[in-house]
Amino acid sequence: MKPLGPKSFSELLRIFDEENSFKDGRYPEKDTWPRDRLQEANSQFGEWNECELSSTELLEVKLIWNIELGIPEEGLTVAEALQLSSVRSWIAAGKNKIFPESHIWLASEPLKGSSTVEYGLLKNYEGRLISLDGLHRLVAWADLGKQTTLAFIAGKSPN
């Protein structure tokens, strides 16, 4: 993991808005859920760092429960998710090729007291980065063999 430096929360929200305004054509109505997770992470950790993750590090990120991709409630790493038939079908349908360059958003541990259940259900997450926003991009880019990925990480990175 290559550290690129700390970022203020206001900087992060500006970047989040810029990237999401063109990322999926659903801005801003679909950005409420991730924005709330970013607020929770900021309240819990109070610090953010921008980093560059390698393809190997990307595979080790812990994903939260996701019905569309078939990620179970206890979560999976990106590498484990790539083995799921539901993820393979999603990839075969070409849905992994639609994501423009942007940051992914991670935390150094699950959100405590989150208003959503996903983080309380995670198992075997110790020492791993946890997805906050960008779950589909994580899977897509790992499958496509993306060599480096920019990430904002809430809290201290596990490495």
Protein backbone atom coordinates (compact mmCIF):
# COMPACT_ATOMS: atom_id res chain seq x y z
CA MET A 1 0.00 0.00 0.00
CA LYS A 2 1.42 3.31 -1.06
CA PRO A 3 0.32 6.21 1.19
CA LEU A 4 -0.48 9.42 -0.68
CA GLY A 5 -1.34 11.57 2.32
CA PRO A 6 -4.11 12.61 4.68
CA LYS A 7 -7.31 14.26 3.45
CA SER A 8 -9.87 16.38 5.25
CA PHE A 9 -13.45 15.17 5.31
CA SER A 10 -14.60 18.24 3.38
CA GLU A 11 -12.06 17.43 0.63
CA LEU A 12 -13.36 13.86 0.52
CA LEU A 13 -16.98 14.93 0.14
CA ARG A 14 -16.01 17.29 -2.70
CA ILE A 15 -14.18 14.45 -4.48
CA PHE A 16 -17.05 12.05 -3.80
CA ASP A 17 -19.50 14.50 -5.40
CA GLU A 18 -17.22 15.15 -8.39
CA GLU A 19 -16.63 11.47 -9.09
CA ASN A 20 -20.23 10.43 -8.56
CA SER A 21 -21.64 13.18 -10.76
CA PHE A 22 -20.48 11.21 -13.83
CA LYS A 23 -19.76 7.72 -12.47
CA ASP A 24 -23.08 5.97 -12.91
CA GLY A 25 -25.60 8.54 -14.10
CA ARG A 26 -27.64 8.13 -10.91
CA TYR A 27 -26.27 11.07 -8.94
CA PRO A 28 -27.39 12.33 -6.44
CA GLU A 29 -30.43 10.15 -5.62
CA LYS A 30 -28.40 6.91 -5.38
CA ASP A 31 -25.61 8.45 -3.31
CA THR A 32 -27.51 8.76 -0.02
CA TRP A 33 -26.50 5.29 1.25
CA PRO A 34 -22.73 5.64 0.68
CA ARG A 35 -22.71 9.26 1.85
CA ASP A 36 -24.30 8.15 5.14
CA ARG A 37 -21.60 5.45 5.51
CA LEU A 38 -18.88 8.05 4.92
CA GLN A 39 -20.43 10.26 7.62
CA GLU A 40 -20.51 7.29 10.04
CA ALA A 41 -16.89 6.43 9.24
CA ASN A 42 -15.84 10.02 9.78
CA SER A 43 -17.60 10.08 13.16
CA GLN A 44 -15.99 6.79 14.19
CA PHE A 45 -12.43 7.34 12.95
CA GLY A 46 -12.00 11.09 12.46
CA GLU A 47 -9.17 10.62 9.99
CA TRP A 48 -8.85 9.79 6.29
CA ASN A 49 -5.87 8.89 4.17
CA GLU A 50 -5.53 8.54 0.42
CA CYS A 51 -3.61 5.44 -0.64
CA GLU A 52 -2.81 3.48 -3.75
CA LEU A 53 -3.63 -0.21 -3.49
CA SER A 54 -1.94 -2.90 -5.54
CA SER A 55 -3.94 -5.58 -7.33
CA THR A 56 -2.99 -8.04 -4.56
CA GLU A 57 -4.20 -5.66 -1.83
CA LEU A 58 -7.44 -5.09 -3.73
CA LEU A 59 -8.17 -8.83 -3.59
CA GLU A 60 -7.92 -8.80 0.21
CA VAL A 61 -10.52 -6.08 0.86
CA LYS A 62 -13.50 -7.41 2.82
CA LEU A 63 -16.83 -6.81 1.09
CA ILE A 64 -20.07 -6.33 2.98
CA TRP A 65 -23.29 -8.22 2.31
CA ASN A 66 -24.66 -7.58 -1.19
CA ILE A 67 -27.73 -9.29 -2.59
CA GLU A 68 -27.07 -8.50 -6.27
CA LEU A 69 -23.62 -10.11 -6.25
CA GLY A 70 -24.54 -12.86 -3.79
CA ILE A 71 -22.10 -11.72 -1.08
CA PRO A 72 -23.29 -13.48 2.09
CA GLU A 73 -24.15 -11.62 5.29
CA GLU A 74 -20.80 -12.44 6.92
CA GLY A 75 -18.97 -10.84 3.97
CA LEU A 76 -16.23 -12.11 1.66
CA THR A 77 -12.91 -10.84 0.42
CA VAL A 78 -12.83 -9.65 -3.17
CA ALA A 79 -10.83 -12.80 -4.06
CA GLU A 80 -13.50 -15.03 -2.49
CA ALA A 81 -16.31 -13.10 -4.20
CA LEU A 82 -14.70 -13.68 -7.60
CA GLN A 83 -15.27 -17.41 -7.08
CA LEU A 84 -19.05 -17.06 -6.67
CA SER A 85 -21.24 -18.18 -9.57
CA SER A 86 -23.40 -15.07 -9.08
CA VAL A 87 -20.33 -12.85 -9.51
CA ARG A 88 -19.14 -14.87 -12.51
CA SER A 89 -22.59 -14.38 -14.11
CA TRP A 90 -22.44 -10.65 -13.39
CA ILE A 91 -19.04 -10.52 -15.07
CA ALA A 92 -20.18 -12.68 -18.02
CA ALA A 93 -23.02 -10.19 -18.59
CA GLY A 94 -20.36 -7.48 -19.07
CA LYS A 95 -21.34 -5.48 -16.01
CA ASN A 96 -17.73 -5.32 -14.82
CA LYS A 97 -16.65 -3.05 -17.68
CA ILE A 98 -18.78 0.02 -17.03
CA PHE A 99 -16.90 1.75 -14.22
CA PRO A 100 -14.81 4.86 -14.97
CA GLU A 101 -11.72 5.68 -12.94
CA SER A 102 -12.61 6.82 -9.43
CA HIS A 103 -11.68 6.23 -5.79
CA ILE A 104 -12.97 3.41 -3.66
CA TRP A 105 -13.87 4.13 -0.04
CA LEU A 106 -12.69 1.84 2.74
CA ALA A 107 -12.44 1.62 6.53
CA SER A 108 -9.79 0.04 8.71
CA GLU A 109 -12.49 -1.90 10.60
CA PRO A 110 -16.27 -2.35 10.44
CA LEU A 111 -18.48 0.59 11.33
CA LYS A 112 -19.68 0.33 14.92
CA GLY A 113 -23.26 1.27 15.62
CA SER A 114 -23.98 1.77 11.92
CA SER A 115 -27.55 2.52 10.95
CA THR A 116 -27.27 -0.46 8.56
CA VAL A 117 -26.90 -4.11 9.57
CA GLU A 118 -24.16 -5.07 7.09
CA TYR A 119 -21.18 -4.11 9.26
CA GLY A 120 -22.45 -5.91 12.38
CA LEU A 121 -22.73 -9.16 10.43
CA LEU A 122 -19.13 -9.24 9.16
CA LYS A 123 -16.95 -12.17 10.21
CA ASN A 124 -13.20 -12.74 9.79
CA TYR A 125 -12.47 -9.13 8.92
CA GLU A 126 -9.52 -8.63 11.28
CA GLY A 127 -6.52 -7.05 9.56
CA ARG A 128 -8.48 -6.29 6.40
CA LEU A 129 -9.81 -3.13 4.90
CA ILE A 130 -13.63 -2.99 4.78
CA SER A 131 -15.68 -1.64 1.87
CA LEU A 132 -17.71 1.53 2.45
CA ASP A 133 -18.41 2.48 -1.17
CA GLY A 134 -17.24 0.96 -4.42
CA LEU A 135 -18.09 -2.72 -3.86
CA HIS A 136 -19.01 -3.30 -7.52
CA ARG A 137 -15.89 -1.44 -8.69
CA LEU A 138 -13.70 -3.52 -6.37
CA VAL A 139 -14.99 -6.75 -7.89
CA ALA A 140 -14.93 -5.42 -11.46
CA TRP A 141 -11.43 -4.00 -11.28
CA ALA A 142 -10.01 -7.07 -9.55
CA ASP A 143 -11.47 -9.27 -12.28
CA LEU A 144 -10.07 -7.01 -14.99
CA GLY A 145 -6.62 -7.14 -13.34
CA LYS A 146 -6.38 -3.42 -12.55
CA GLN A 147 -2.84 -2.94 -11.26
CA THR A 148 -3.39 0.02 -8.94
CA THR A 149 -6.50 1.54 -7.39
CA LEU A 150 -6.87 4.82 -5.54
CA ALA A 151 -8.62 4.54 -2.19
CA PHE A 152 -9.64 6.74 0.69
CA ILE A 153 -9.30 4.87 3.98
CA ALA A 154 -11.03 5.88 7.21
CA GLY A 155 -8.88 5.15 10.26
CA LYS A 156 -5.44 3.59 10.41
CA SER A 157 -4.66 1.19 7.58
CA PRO A 158 -3.97 -2.38 8.76
CA ASN A 159 -0.48 -2.45 7.21
